[in-house]
Amino acid sequence: IADAYDTYLVDQWGVLHDGHTAHAPAVDVMHRLKDAGKKLI
């Protein structure tokens, strides 16, 4: 679905990390979207 959107409103706890440790696959998604020129908030 990445190509269908330009701007992403991203929750942090439960999505990107658990409060202590980053979720590596989710962070990888952020890198891919950033490289594609998407706006991440």
PDB file of all heavy atoms in Angstrom:
ATOM      1  N   ILE A   1       0.808  -1.229   0.000  1.00  0.00           N
ATOM      2  CA  ILE A   1       0.000   0.000   0.000  1.00  0.00           C
ATOM      3  C   ILE A   1       0.835   1.269   0.000  1.00  0.00           C
ATOM      4  O   ILE A   1       0.289   2.371  -0.072  1.00  0.00           O
ATOM      5  CB  ILE A   1      -0.961   0.028   1.212  1.00  0.00           C
ATOM      6  CG1 ILE A   1      -0.177   0.004   2.529  1.00  0.00           C
ATOM      7  CG2 ILE A   1      -1.937  -1.137   1.155  1.00  0.00           C
ATOM      8  CD1 ILE A   1      -1.045   0.203   3.768  1.00  0.00           C
ATOM      9  N   ALA A   2       2.158   1.156   0.074  1.00  0.00           N
ATOM     10  CA  ALA A   2       3.016   2.325   0.256  1.00  0.00           C
ATOM     11  C   ALA A   2       2.837   3.372  -0.841  1.00  0.00           C
ATOM     12  O   ALA A   2       2.894   4.585  -0.571  1.00  0.00           O
ATOM     13  CB  ALA A   2       4.479   1.893   0.331  1.00  0.00           C
ATOM     14  N   ASP A   3       2.640   2.947  -2.076  1.00  0.00           N
ATOM     15  CA  ASP A   3       2.534   3.892  -3.181  1.00  0.00           C
ATOM     16  C   ASP A   3       1.225   4.681  -3.172  1.00  0.00           C
ATOM     17  O   ASP A   3       1.099   5.684  -3.875  1.00  0.00           O
ATOM     18  CB  ASP A   3       2.666   3.163  -4.523  1.00  0.00           C
ATOM     19  CG  ASP A   3       4.074   2.639  -4.756  1.00  0.00           C
ATOM     20  OD1 ASP A   3       5.005   3.144  -4.094  1.00  0.00           O
ATOM     21  OD2 ASP A   3       4.237   1.722  -5.578  1.00  0.00           O
ATOM     22  N   ALA A   4       0.266   4.248  -2.376  1.00  0.00           N
ATOM     23  CA  ALA A   4      -1.057   4.895  -2.380  1.00  0.00           C
ATOM     24  C   ALA A   4      -1.103   6.155  -1.525  1.00  0.00           C
ATOM     25  O   ALA A   4      -2.083   6.899  -1.588  1.00  0.00           O
ATOM     26  CB  ALA A   4      -2.116   3.905  -1.899  1.00  0.00           C
ATOM     27  N   TYR A   5      -0.032   6.427  -0.753  1.00  0.00           N
ATOM     28  CA  TYR A   5      -0.051   7.549   0.182  1.00  0.00           C
ATOM     29  C   TYR A   5       1.251   8.337   0.116  1.00  0.00           C
ATOM     30  O   TYR A   5       2.301   7.813  -0.256  1.00  0.00           O
ATOM     31  CB  TYR A   5      -0.298   7.049   1.612  1.00  0.00           C
ATOM     32  CG  TYR A   5      -1.582   6.262   1.724  1.00  0.00           C
ATOM     33  CD1 TYR A   5      -1.584   4.875   1.613  1.00  0.00           C
ATOM     34  CD2 TYR A   5      -2.802   6.908   1.886  1.00  0.00           C
ATOM     35  CE1 TYR A   5      -2.773   4.154   1.675  1.00  0.00           C
ATOM     36  CE2 TYR A   5      -3.994   6.197   1.953  1.00  0.00           C
ATOM     37  CZ  TYR A   5      -3.969   4.827   1.837  1.00  0.00           C
ATOM     38  OH  TYR A   5      -5.143   4.105   1.891  1.00  0.00           O
ATOM     39  N   ASP A   6       1.153   9.607   0.493  1.00  0.00           N
ATOM     40  CA  ASP A   6       2.324  10.492   0.493  1.00  0.00           C
ATOM     41  C   ASP A   6       2.746  10.889   1.902  1.00  0.00           C
ATOM     42  O   ASP A   6       3.916  11.166   2.148  1.00  0.00           O
ATOM     43  CB  ASP A   6       2.023  11.775  -0.291  1.00  0.00           C
ATOM     44  CG  ASP A   6       1.618  11.498  -1.716  1.00  0.00           C
ATOM     45  OD1 ASP A   6       2.257  10.652  -2.363  1.00  0.00           O
ATOM     46  OD2 ASP A   6       0.633  12.119  -2.179  1.00  0.00           O
ATOM     47  N   THR A   7       1.786  10.953   2.825  1.00  0.00           N
ATOM     48  CA  THR A   7       2.037  11.405   4.197  1.00  0.00           C
ATOM     49  C   THR A   7       1.566  10.342   5.175  1.00  0.00           C
ATOM     50  O   THR A   7       0.459   9.805   5.030  1.00  0.00           O
ATOM     51  CB  THR A   7       1.303  12.729   4.487  1.00  0.00           C
ATOM     52  OG1 THR A   7       1.750  13.724   3.561  1.00  0.00           O
ATOM     53  CG2 THR A   7       1.566  13.201   5.906  1.00  0.00           C
ATOM     54  N   TYR A   8       2.401  10.057   6.168  1.00  0.00           N
ATOM     55  CA  TYR A   8       2.074   9.022   7.144  1.00  0.00           C
ATOM     56  C   TYR A   8       2.124   9.595   8.554  1.00  0.00           C
ATOM     57  O   TYR A   8       3.106  10.229   8.946  1.00  0.00           O
ATOM     58  CB  TYR A   8       3.063   7.850   7.029  1.00  0.00           C
ATOM     59  CG  TYR A   8       2.983   7.156   5.695  1.00  0.00           C
ATOM     60  CD1 TYR A   8       3.763   7.587   4.634  1.00  0.00           C
ATOM     61  CD2 TYR A   8       2.089   6.107   5.485  1.00  0.00           C
ATOM     62  CE1 TYR A   8       3.671   6.968   3.396  1.00  0.00           C
ATOM     63  CE2 TYR A   8       1.991   5.493   4.255  1.00  0.00           C
ATOM     64  CZ  TYR A   8       2.780   5.933   3.209  1.00  0.00           C
ATOM     65  OH  TYR A   8       2.675   5.332   1.980  1.00  0.00           O
ATOM     66  N   LEU A   9       1.036   9.405   9.284  1.00  0.00           N
ATOM     67  CA  LEU A   9       0.956   9.791  10.687  1.00  0.00           C
ATOM     68  C   LEU A   9       1.188   8.527  11.502  1.00  0.00           C
ATOM     69  O   LEU A   9       0.340   7.631  11.543  1.00  0.00           O
ATOM     70  CB  LEU A   9      -0.419  10.400  10.994  1.00  0.00           C
ATOM     71  CG  LEU A   9      -0.798  11.611  10.138  1.00  0.00           C
ATOM     72  CD1 LEU A   9      -2.222  12.064  10.466  1.00  0.00           C
ATOM     73  CD2 LEU A   9       0.186  12.759  10.334  1.00  0.00           C
ATOM     74  N   VAL A  10       2.336   8.444  12.157  1.00  0.00           N
ATOM     75  CA  VAL A  10       2.801   7.185  12.741  1.00  0.00           C
ATOM     76  C   VAL A  10       2.749   7.243  14.263  1.00  0.00           C
ATOM     77  O   VAL A  10       3.387   8.108  14.886  1.00  0.00           O
ATOM     78  CB  VAL A  10       4.244   6.882  12.279  1.00  0.00           C
ATOM     79  CG1 VAL A  10       4.664   5.484  12.749  1.00  0.00           C
ATOM     80  CG2 VAL A  10       4.368   6.997  10.759  1.00  0.00           C
ATOM     81  N   ASP A  11       2.002   6.342  14.862  1.00  0.00           N
ATOM     82  CA  ASP A  11       2.035   6.170  16.310  1.00  0.00           C
ATOM     83  C   ASP A  11       3.379   5.538  16.665  1.00  0.00           C
ATOM     84  O   ASP A  11       3.986   4.851  15.842  1.00  0.00           O
ATOM     85  CB  ASP A  11       0.877   5.258  16.734  1.00  0.00           C
ATOM     86  CG  ASP A  11       0.765   5.111  18.238  1.00  0.00           C
ATOM     87  OD1 ASP A  11       1.012   6.104  18.950  1.00  0.00           O
ATOM     88  OD2 ASP A  11       0.430   4.004  18.693  1.00  0.00           O
ATOM     89  N   GLN A  12       3.854   5.757  17.885  1.00  0.00           N
ATOM     90  CA  GLN A  12       5.161   5.196  18.224  1.00  0.00           C
ATOM     91  C   GLN A  12       5.055   3.931  19.078  1.00  0.00           C
ATOM     92  O   GLN A  12       5.407   2.841  18.632  1.00  0.00           O
ATOM     93  CB  GLN A  12       6.051   6.250  18.882  1.00  0.00           C
ATOM     94  CG  GLN A  12       5.460   7.005  20.047  1.00  0.00           C
ATOM     95  CD  GLN A  12       6.498   7.807  20.808  1.00  0.00           C
ATOM     96  OE1 GLN A  12       7.710   7.600  20.700  1.00  0.00           O
ATOM     97  NE2 GLN A  12       6.038   8.736  21.624  1.00  0.00           N
ATOM     98  N   TRP A  13       4.533   4.035  20.281  1.00  0.00           N
ATOM     99  CA  TRP A  13       4.468   2.884  21.192  1.00  0.00           C
ATOM    100  C   TRP A  13       3.510   1.838  20.618  1.00  0.00           C
ATOM    101  O   TRP A  13       2.373   2.144  20.311  1.00  0.00           O
ATOM    102  CB  TRP A  13       3.968   3.352  22.551  1.00  0.00           C
ATOM    103  CG  TRP A  13       4.196   2.385  23.677  1.00  0.00           C
ATOM    104  CD1 TRP A  13       3.785   1.101  23.733  1.00  0.00           C
ATOM    105  CD2 TRP A  13       4.871   2.626  24.906  1.00  0.00           C
ATOM    106  NE1 TRP A  13       4.140   0.516  24.915  1.00  0.00           N
ATOM    107  CE2 TRP A  13       4.830   1.445  25.661  1.00  0.00           C
ATOM    108  CE3 TRP A  13       5.507   3.751  25.450  1.00  0.00           C
ATOM    109  CZ2 TRP A  13       5.395   1.342  26.925  1.00  0.00           C
ATOM    110  CZ3 TRP A  13       6.060   3.639  26.713  1.00  0.00           C
ATOM    111  CH2 TRP A  13       6.009   2.447  27.433  1.00  0.00           C
ATOM    112  N   GLY A  14       3.964   0.611  20.489  1.00  0.00           N
ATOM    113  CA  GLY A  14       3.143  -0.460  19.933  1.00  0.00           C
ATOM    114  C   GLY A  14       3.279  -0.607  18.437  1.00  0.00           C
ATOM    115  O   GLY A  14       2.834  -1.609  17.861  1.00  0.00           O
ATOM    116  N   VAL A  15       3.914   0.380  17.795  1.00  0.00           N
ATOM    117  CA  VAL A  15       4.120   0.328  16.346  1.00  0.00           C
ATOM    118  C   VAL A  15       5.607   0.308  16.023  1.00  0.00           C
ATOM    119  O   VAL A  15       6.105  -0.610  15.372  1.00  0.00           O
ATOM    120  CB  VAL A  15       3.438   1.525  15.650  1.00  0.00           C
ATOM    121  CG1 VAL A  15       3.765   1.535  14.153  1.00  0.00           C
ATOM    122  CG2 VAL A  15       1.931   1.479  15.862  1.00  0.00           C
ATOM    123  N   LEU A  16       6.329   1.338  16.504  1.00  0.00           N
ATOM    124  CA  LEU A  16       7.762   1.432  16.235  1.00  0.00           C
ATOM    125  C   LEU A  16       8.618   0.826  17.340  1.00  0.00           C
ATOM    126  O   LEU A  16       9.754   0.414  17.100  1.00  0.00           O
ATOM    127  CB  LEU A  16       8.162   2.897  16.058  1.00  0.00           C
ATOM    128  CG  LEU A  16       7.587   3.625  14.854  1.00  0.00           C
ATOM    129  CD1 LEU A  16       8.073   5.072  14.833  1.00  0.00           C
ATOM    130  CD2 LEU A  16       7.962   2.933  13.550  1.00  0.00           C
ATOM    131  N   HIS A  17       8.093   0.789  18.558  1.00  0.00           N
ATOM    132  CA  HIS A  17       8.860   0.269  19.689  1.00  0.00           C
ATOM    133  C   HIS A  17       7.912  -0.140  20.808  1.00  0.00           C
ATOM    134  O   HIS A  17       6.701   0.113  20.742  1.00  0.00           O
ATOM    135  CB  HIS A  17       9.870   1.308  20.191  1.00  0.00           C
ATOM    136  CG  HIS A  17       9.248   2.596  20.667  1.00  0.00           C
ATOM    137  ND1 HIS A  17       8.593   2.720  21.876  1.00  0.00           N
ATOM    138  CD2 HIS A  17       9.169   3.824  20.093  1.00  0.00           C
ATOM    139  CE1 HIS A  17       8.157   3.942  22.047  1.00  0.00           C
ATOM    140  NE2 HIS A  17       8.471   4.645  20.972  1.00  0.00           N
ATOM    141  N   ASP A  18       8.472  -0.770  21.850  1.00  0.00           N
ATOM    142  CA  ASP A  18       7.660  -1.202  22.996  1.00  0.00           C
ATOM    143  C   ASP A  18       7.936  -0.362  24.231  1.00  0.00           C
ATOM    144  O   ASP A  18       7.618  -0.766  25.353  1.00  0.00           O
ATOM    145  CB  ASP A  18       7.900  -2.686  23.295  1.00  0.00           C
ATOM    146  CG  ASP A  18       9.342  -3.002  23.686  1.00  0.00           C
ATOM    147  OD1 ASP A  18      10.141  -2.049  23.894  1.00  0.00           O
ATOM    148  OD2 ASP A  18       9.677  -4.197  23.781  1.00  0.00           O
ATOM    149  N   GLY A  19       8.520   0.804  24.023  1.00  0.00           N
ATOM    150  CA  GLY A  19       8.890   1.667  25.145  1.00  0.00           C
ATOM    151  C   GLY A  19      10.331   1.504  25.566  1.00  0.00           C
ATOM    152  O   GLY A  19      10.886   2.374  26.237  1.00  0.00           O
ATOM    153  N   HIS A  20      10.941   0.380  25.173  1.00  0.00           N
ATOM    154  CA  HIS A  20      12.325   0.108  25.542  1.00  0.00           C
ATOM    155  C   HIS A  20      13.178  -0.257  24.332  1.00  0.00           C
ATOM    156  O   HIS A  20      14.332   0.153  24.239  1.00  0.00           O
ATOM    157  CB  HIS A  20      12.393  -1.037  26.561  1.00  0.00           C
ATOM    158  CG  HIS A  20      11.634  -0.773  27.818  1.00  0.00           C
ATOM    159  ND1 HIS A  20      12.132  -0.012  28.849  1.00  0.00           N
ATOM    160  CD2 HIS A  20      10.383  -1.154  28.208  1.00  0.00           C
ATOM    161  CE1 HIS A  20      11.240   0.065  29.822  1.00  0.00           C
ATOM    162  NE2 HIS A  20      10.176  -0.624  29.456  1.00  0.00           N
ATOM    163  N   THR A  21      12.588  -1.025  23.418  1.00  0.00           N
ATOM    164  CA  THR A  21      13.333  -1.564  22.285  1.00  0.00           C
ATOM    165  C   THR A  21      12.604  -1.281  20.983  1.00  0.00           C
ATOM    166  O   THR A  21      11.378  -1.439  20.904  1.00  0.00           O
ATOM    167  CB  THR A  21      13.516  -3.088  22.437  1.00  0.00           C
ATOM    168  OG1 THR A  21      14.116  -3.360  23.712  1.00  0.00           O
ATOM    169  CG2 THR A  21      14.400  -3.642  21.333  1.00  0.00           C
ATOM    170  N   ALA A  22      13.363  -0.877  19.979  1.00  0.00           N
ATOM    171  CA  ALA A  22      12.764  -0.616  18.664  1.00  0.00           C
ATOM    172  C   ALA A  22      12.352  -1.921  17.996  1.00  0.00           C
ATOM    173  O   ALA A  22      12.983  -2.963  18.186  1.00  0.00           O
ATOM    174  CB  ALA A  22      13.766   0.119  17.789  1.00  0.00           C
ATOM    175  N   HIS A  23      11.265  -1.860  17.220  1.00  0.00           N
ATOM    176  CA  HIS A  23      10.862  -2.988  16.373  1.00  0.00           C
ATOM    177  C   HIS A  23      11.585  -2.823  15.041  1.00  0.00           C
ATOM    178  O   HIS A  23      11.200  -1.983  14.214  1.00  0.00           O
ATOM    179  CB  HIS A  23       9.354  -2.997  16.164  1.00  0.00           C
ATOM    180  CG  HIS A  23       8.553  -3.140  17.429  1.00  0.00           C
ATOM    181  ND1 HIS A  23       8.941  -3.959  18.462  1.00  0.00           N
ATOM    182  CD2 HIS A  23       7.386  -2.559  17.828  1.00  0.00           C
ATOM    183  CE1 HIS A  23       8.055  -3.894  19.446  1.00  0.00           C
ATOM    184  NE2 HIS A  23       7.113  -3.044  19.092  1.00  0.00           N
ATOM    185  N   ALA A  24      12.625  -3.610  14.822  1.00  0.00           N
ATOM    186  CA  ALA A  24      13.494  -3.433  13.655  1.00  0.00           C
ATOM    187  C   ALA A  24      12.737  -3.455  12.328  1.00  0.00           C
ATOM    188  O   ALA A  24      13.002  -2.614  11.461  1.00  0.00           O
ATOM    189  CB  ALA A  24      14.609  -4.474  13.665  1.00  0.00           C
ATOM    190  N   PRO A  25      11.802  -4.379  12.105  1.00  0.00           N
ATOM    191  CA  PRO A  25      11.083  -4.381  10.832  1.00  0.00           C
ATOM    192  C   PRO A  25      10.273  -3.102  10.609  1.00  0.00           C
ATOM    193  O   PRO A  25      10.165  -2.620   9.475  1.00  0.00           O
ATOM    194  CB  PRO A  25      10.164  -5.599  10.946  1.00  0.00           C
ATOM    195  CG  PRO A  25      10.836  -6.490  11.935  1.00  0.00           C
ATOM    196  CD  PRO A  25      11.448  -5.558  12.930  1.00  0.00           C
ATOM    197  N   ALA A  26       9.711  -2.539  11.684  1.00  0.00           N
ATOM    198  CA  ALA A  26       8.943  -1.304  11.556  1.00  0.00           C
ATOM    199  C   ALA A  26       9.858  -0.131  11.222  1.00  0.00           C
ATOM    200  O   ALA A  26       9.501   0.738  10.408  1.00  0.00           O
ATOM    201  CB  ALA A  26       8.184  -1.022  12.848  1.00  0.00           C
ATOM    202  N   VAL A  27      11.034  -0.101  11.835  1.00  0.00           N
ATOM    203  CA  VAL A  27      11.993   0.959  11.527  1.00  0.00           C
ATOM    204  C   VAL A  27      12.457   0.838  10.083  1.00  0.00           C
ATOM    205  O   VAL A  27      12.654   1.841   9.381  1.00  0.00           O
ATOM    206  CB  VAL A  27      13.183   0.914  12.501  1.00  0.00           C
ATOM    207  CG1 VAL A  27      14.219   1.977  12.142  1.00  0.00           C
ATOM    208  CG2 VAL A  27      12.697   1.126  13.937  1.00  0.00           C
ATOM    209  N   ASP A  28      12.616  -0.389   9.606  1.00  0.00           N
ATOM    210  CA  ASP A  28      12.973  -0.619   8.204  1.00  0.00           C
ATOM    211  C   ASP A  28      11.920  -0.029   7.264  1.00  0.00           C
ATOM    212  O   ASP A  28      12.254   0.567   6.234  1.00  0.00           O
ATOM    213  CB  ASP A  28      13.120  -2.120   7.942  1.00  0.00           C
ATOM    214  CG  ASP A  28      13.349  -2.429   6.473  1.00  0.00           C
ATOM    215  OD1 ASP A  28      14.389  -2.010   5.931  1.00  0.00           O
ATOM    216  OD2 ASP A  28      12.468  -3.084   5.862  1.00  0.00           O
ATOM    217  N   VAL A  29      10.648  -0.165   7.630  1.00  0.00           N
ATOM    218  CA  VAL A  29       9.569   0.437   6.833  1.00  0.00           C
ATOM    219  C   VAL A  29       9.751   1.944   6.766  1.00  0.00           C
ATOM    220  O   VAL A  29       9.597   2.557   5.696  1.00  0.00           O
ATOM    221  CB  VAL A  29       8.188   0.080   7.424  1.00  0.00           C
ATOM    222  CG1 VAL A  29       7.089   0.889   6.743  1.00  0.00           C
ATOM    223  CG2 VAL A  29       7.913  -1.416   7.270  1.00  0.00           C
ATOM    224  N   MET A  30      10.089   2.572   7.890  1.00  0.00           N
ATOM    225  CA  MET A  30      10.293   4.018   7.909  1.00  0.00           C
ATOM    226  C   MET A  30      11.429   4.420   6.970  1.00  0.00           C
ATOM    227  O   MET A  30      11.325   5.411   6.231  1.00  0.00           O
ATOM    228  CB  MET A  30      10.601   4.493   9.333  1.00  0.00           C
ATOM    229  CG  MET A  30       9.492   4.269  10.366  1.00  0.00           C
ATOM    230  SD  MET A  30       7.959   5.200  10.035  1.00  0.00           S
ATOM    231  CE  MET A  30       6.914   3.883   9.358  1.00  0.00           C
ATOM    232  N   HIS A  31      12.529   3.662   6.999  1.00  0.00           N
ATOM    233  CA  HIS A  31      13.657   3.956   6.109  1.00  0.00           C
ATOM    234  C   HIS A  31      13.243   3.850   4.643  1.00  0.00           C
ATOM    235  O   HIS A  31      13.608   4.706   3.820  1.00  0.00           O
ATOM    236  CB  HIS A  31      14.816   3.005   6.402  1.00  0.00           C
ATOM    237  CG  HIS A  31      15.658   3.406   7.574  1.00  0.00           C
ATOM    238  ND1 HIS A  31      16.635   4.375   7.496  1.00  0.00           N
ATOM    239  CD2 HIS A  31      15.657   2.960   8.861  1.00  0.00           C
ATOM    240  CE1 HIS A  31      17.206   4.520   8.678  1.00  0.00           C
ATOM    241  NE2 HIS A  31      16.638   3.674   9.529  1.00  0.00           N
ATOM    242  N   ARG A  32      12.500   2.826   4.308  1.00  0.00           N
ATOM    243  CA  ARG A  32      12.069   2.639   2.918  1.00  0.00           C
ATOM    244  C   ARG A  32      11.157   3.773   2.471  1.00  0.00           C
ATOM    245  O   ARG A  32      11.258   4.263   1.339  1.00  0.00           O
ATOM    246  CB  ARG A  32      11.365   1.298   2.771  1.00  0.00           C
ATOM    247  CG  ARG A  32      12.283   0.081   2.892  1.00  0.00           C
ATOM    248  CD  ARG A  32      11.471  -1.203   2.907  1.00  0.00           C
ATOM    249  NE  ARG A  32      12.282  -2.381   3.079  1.00  0.00           N
ATOM    250  CZ  ARG A  32      12.715  -3.166   2.078  1.00  0.00           C
ATOM    251  NH1 ARG A  32      12.402  -2.856   0.819  1.00  0.00           N
ATOM    252  NH2 ARG A  32      13.443  -4.240   2.322  1.00  0.00           N
ATOM    253  N   LEU A  33      10.249   4.186   3.347  1.00  0.00           N
ATOM    254  CA  LEU A  33       9.342   5.277   2.999  1.00  0.00           C
ATOM    255  C   LEU A  33      10.112   6.590   2.862  1.00  0.00           C
ATOM    256  O   LEU A  33       9.843   7.397   1.954  1.00  0.00           O
ATOM    257  CB  LEU A  33       8.248   5.413   4.060  1.00  0.00           C
ATOM    258  CG  LEU A  33       7.241   4.262   4.124  1.00  0.00           C
ATOM    259  CD1 LEU A  33       6.286   4.456   5.299  1.00  0.00           C
ATOM    260  CD2 LEU A  33       6.454   4.147   2.821  1.00  0.00           C
ATOM    261  N   LYS A  34      11.066   6.818   3.758  1.00  0.00           N
ATOM    262  CA  LYS A  34      11.877   8.028   3.682  1.00  0.00           C
ATOM    263  C   LYS A  34      12.658   8.063   2.373  1.00  0.00           C
ATOM    264  O   LYS A  34      12.733   9.106   1.697  1.00  0.00           O
ATOM    265  CB  LYS A  34      12.833   8.079   4.874  1.00  0.00           C
ATOM    266  CG  LYS A  34      13.613   9.385   4.997  1.00  0.00           C
ATOM    267  CD  LYS A  34      12.696  10.521   5.377  1.00  0.00           C
ATOM    268  CE  LYS A  34      13.501  11.784   5.678  1.00  0.00           C
ATOM    269  NZ  LYS A  34      12.619  12.913   6.055  1.00  0.00           N
ATOM    270  N   ASP A  35      13.246   6.941   2.000  1.00  0.00           N
ATOM    271  CA  ASP A  35      14.003   6.860   0.750  1.00  0.00           C
ATOM    272  C   ASP A  35      13.115   7.104  -0.464  1.00  0.00           C
ATOM    273  O   ASP A  35      13.594   7.563  -1.508  1.00  0.00           O
ATOM    274  CB  ASP A  35      14.672   5.486   0.627  1.00  0.00           C
ATOM    275  CG  ASP A  35      15.810   5.298   1.625  1.00  0.00           C
ATOM    276  OD1 ASP A  35      16.270   6.312   2.199  1.00  0.00           O
ATOM    277  OD2 ASP A  35      16.218   4.144   1.849  1.00  0.00           O
ATOM    278  N   ALA A  36      11.824   6.800  -0.320  1.00  0.00           N
ATOM    279  CA  ALA A  36      10.878   6.999  -1.423  1.00  0.00           C
ATOM    280  C   ALA A  36      10.311   8.421  -1.445  1.00  0.00           C
ATOM    281  O   ALA A  36       9.446   8.727  -2.270  1.00  0.00           O
ATOM    282  CB  ALA A  36       9.736   5.992  -1.314  1.00  0.00           C
ATOM    283  N   GLY A  37      10.800   9.263  -0.540  1.00  0.00           N
ATOM    284  CA  GLY A  37      10.357  10.652  -0.531  1.00  0.00           C
ATOM    285  C   GLY A  37       9.042  10.895   0.178  1.00  0.00           C
ATOM    286  O   GLY A  37       8.421  11.952  -0.003  1.00  0.00           O
ATOM    287  N   LYS A  38       8.603   9.957   1.005  1.00  0.00           N
ATOM    288  CA  LYS A  38       7.351  10.123   1.734  1.00  0.00           C
ATOM    289  C   LYS A  38       7.559  11.028   2.952  1.00  0.00           C
ATOM    290  O   LYS A  38       8.667  11.160   3.465  1.00  0.00           O
ATOM    291  CB  LYS A  38       6.810   8.768   2.190  1.00  0.00           C
ATOM    292  CG  LYS A  38       6.649   7.745   1.077  1.00  0.00           C
ATOM    293  CD  LYS A  38       5.603   8.160   0.058  1.00  0.00           C
ATOM    294  CE  LYS A  38       5.370   7.053  -0.969  1.00  0.00           C
ATOM    295  NZ  LYS A  38       4.319   7.421  -1.946  1.00  0.00           N
ATOM    296  N   LYS A  39       6.488  11.635   3.407  1.00  0.00           N
ATOM    297  CA  LYS A  39       6.530  12.488   4.601  1.00  0.00           C
ATOM    298  C   LYS A  39       6.098  11.666   5.802  1.00  0.00           C
ATOM    299  O   LYS A  39       5.005  11.076   5.806  1.00  0.00           O
ATOM    300  CB  LYS A  39       5.623  13.709   4.434  1.00  0.00           C
ATOM    301  CG  LYS A  39       5.745  14.712   5.569  1.00  0.00           C
ATOM    302  CD  LYS A  39       5.039  16.011   5.249  1.00  0.00           C
ATOM    303  CE  LYS A  39       5.292  17.068   6.311  1.00  0.00           C
ATOM    304  NZ  LYS A  39       4.677  18.362   5.967  1.00  0.00           N
ATOM    305  N   LEU A  40       6.922  11.635   6.837  1.00  0.00           N
ATOM    306  CA  LEU A  40       6.664  10.827   8.031  1.00  0.00           C
ATOM    307  C   LEU A  40       6.535  11.744   9.240  1.00  0.00           C
ATOM    308  O   LEU A  40       7.441  12.535   9.515  1.00  0.00           O
ATOM    309  CB  LEU A  40       7.794   9.832   8.259  1.00  0.00           C
ATOM    310  CG  LEU A  40       8.165   8.924   7.085  1.00  0.00           C
ATOM    311  CD1 LEU A  40       9.372   8.068   7.434  1.00  0.00           C
ATOM    312  CD2 LEU A  40       6.985   8.053   6.701  1.00  0.00           C
ATOM    313  N   ILE A  41       5.435  11.609   9.958  1.00  0.00           N
ATOM    314  CA  ILE A  41       5.182  12.439  11.130  1.00  0.00           C
ATOM    315  C   ILE A  41       4.807  11.546  12.304  1.00  0.00           C
ATOM    316  O   ILE A  41       3.871  10.739  12.207  1.00  0.00           O
ATOM    317  CB  ILE A  41       4.044  13.442  10.870  1.00  0.00           C
ATOM    318  CG1 ILE A  41       4.389  14.355   9.687  1.00  0.00           C
ATOM    319  CG2 ILE A  41       3.753  14.272  12.125  1.00  0.00           C
ATOM    320  CD1 ILE A  41       3.222  15.196   9.213  1.00  0.00           C
TER     321      ILE A  41
END
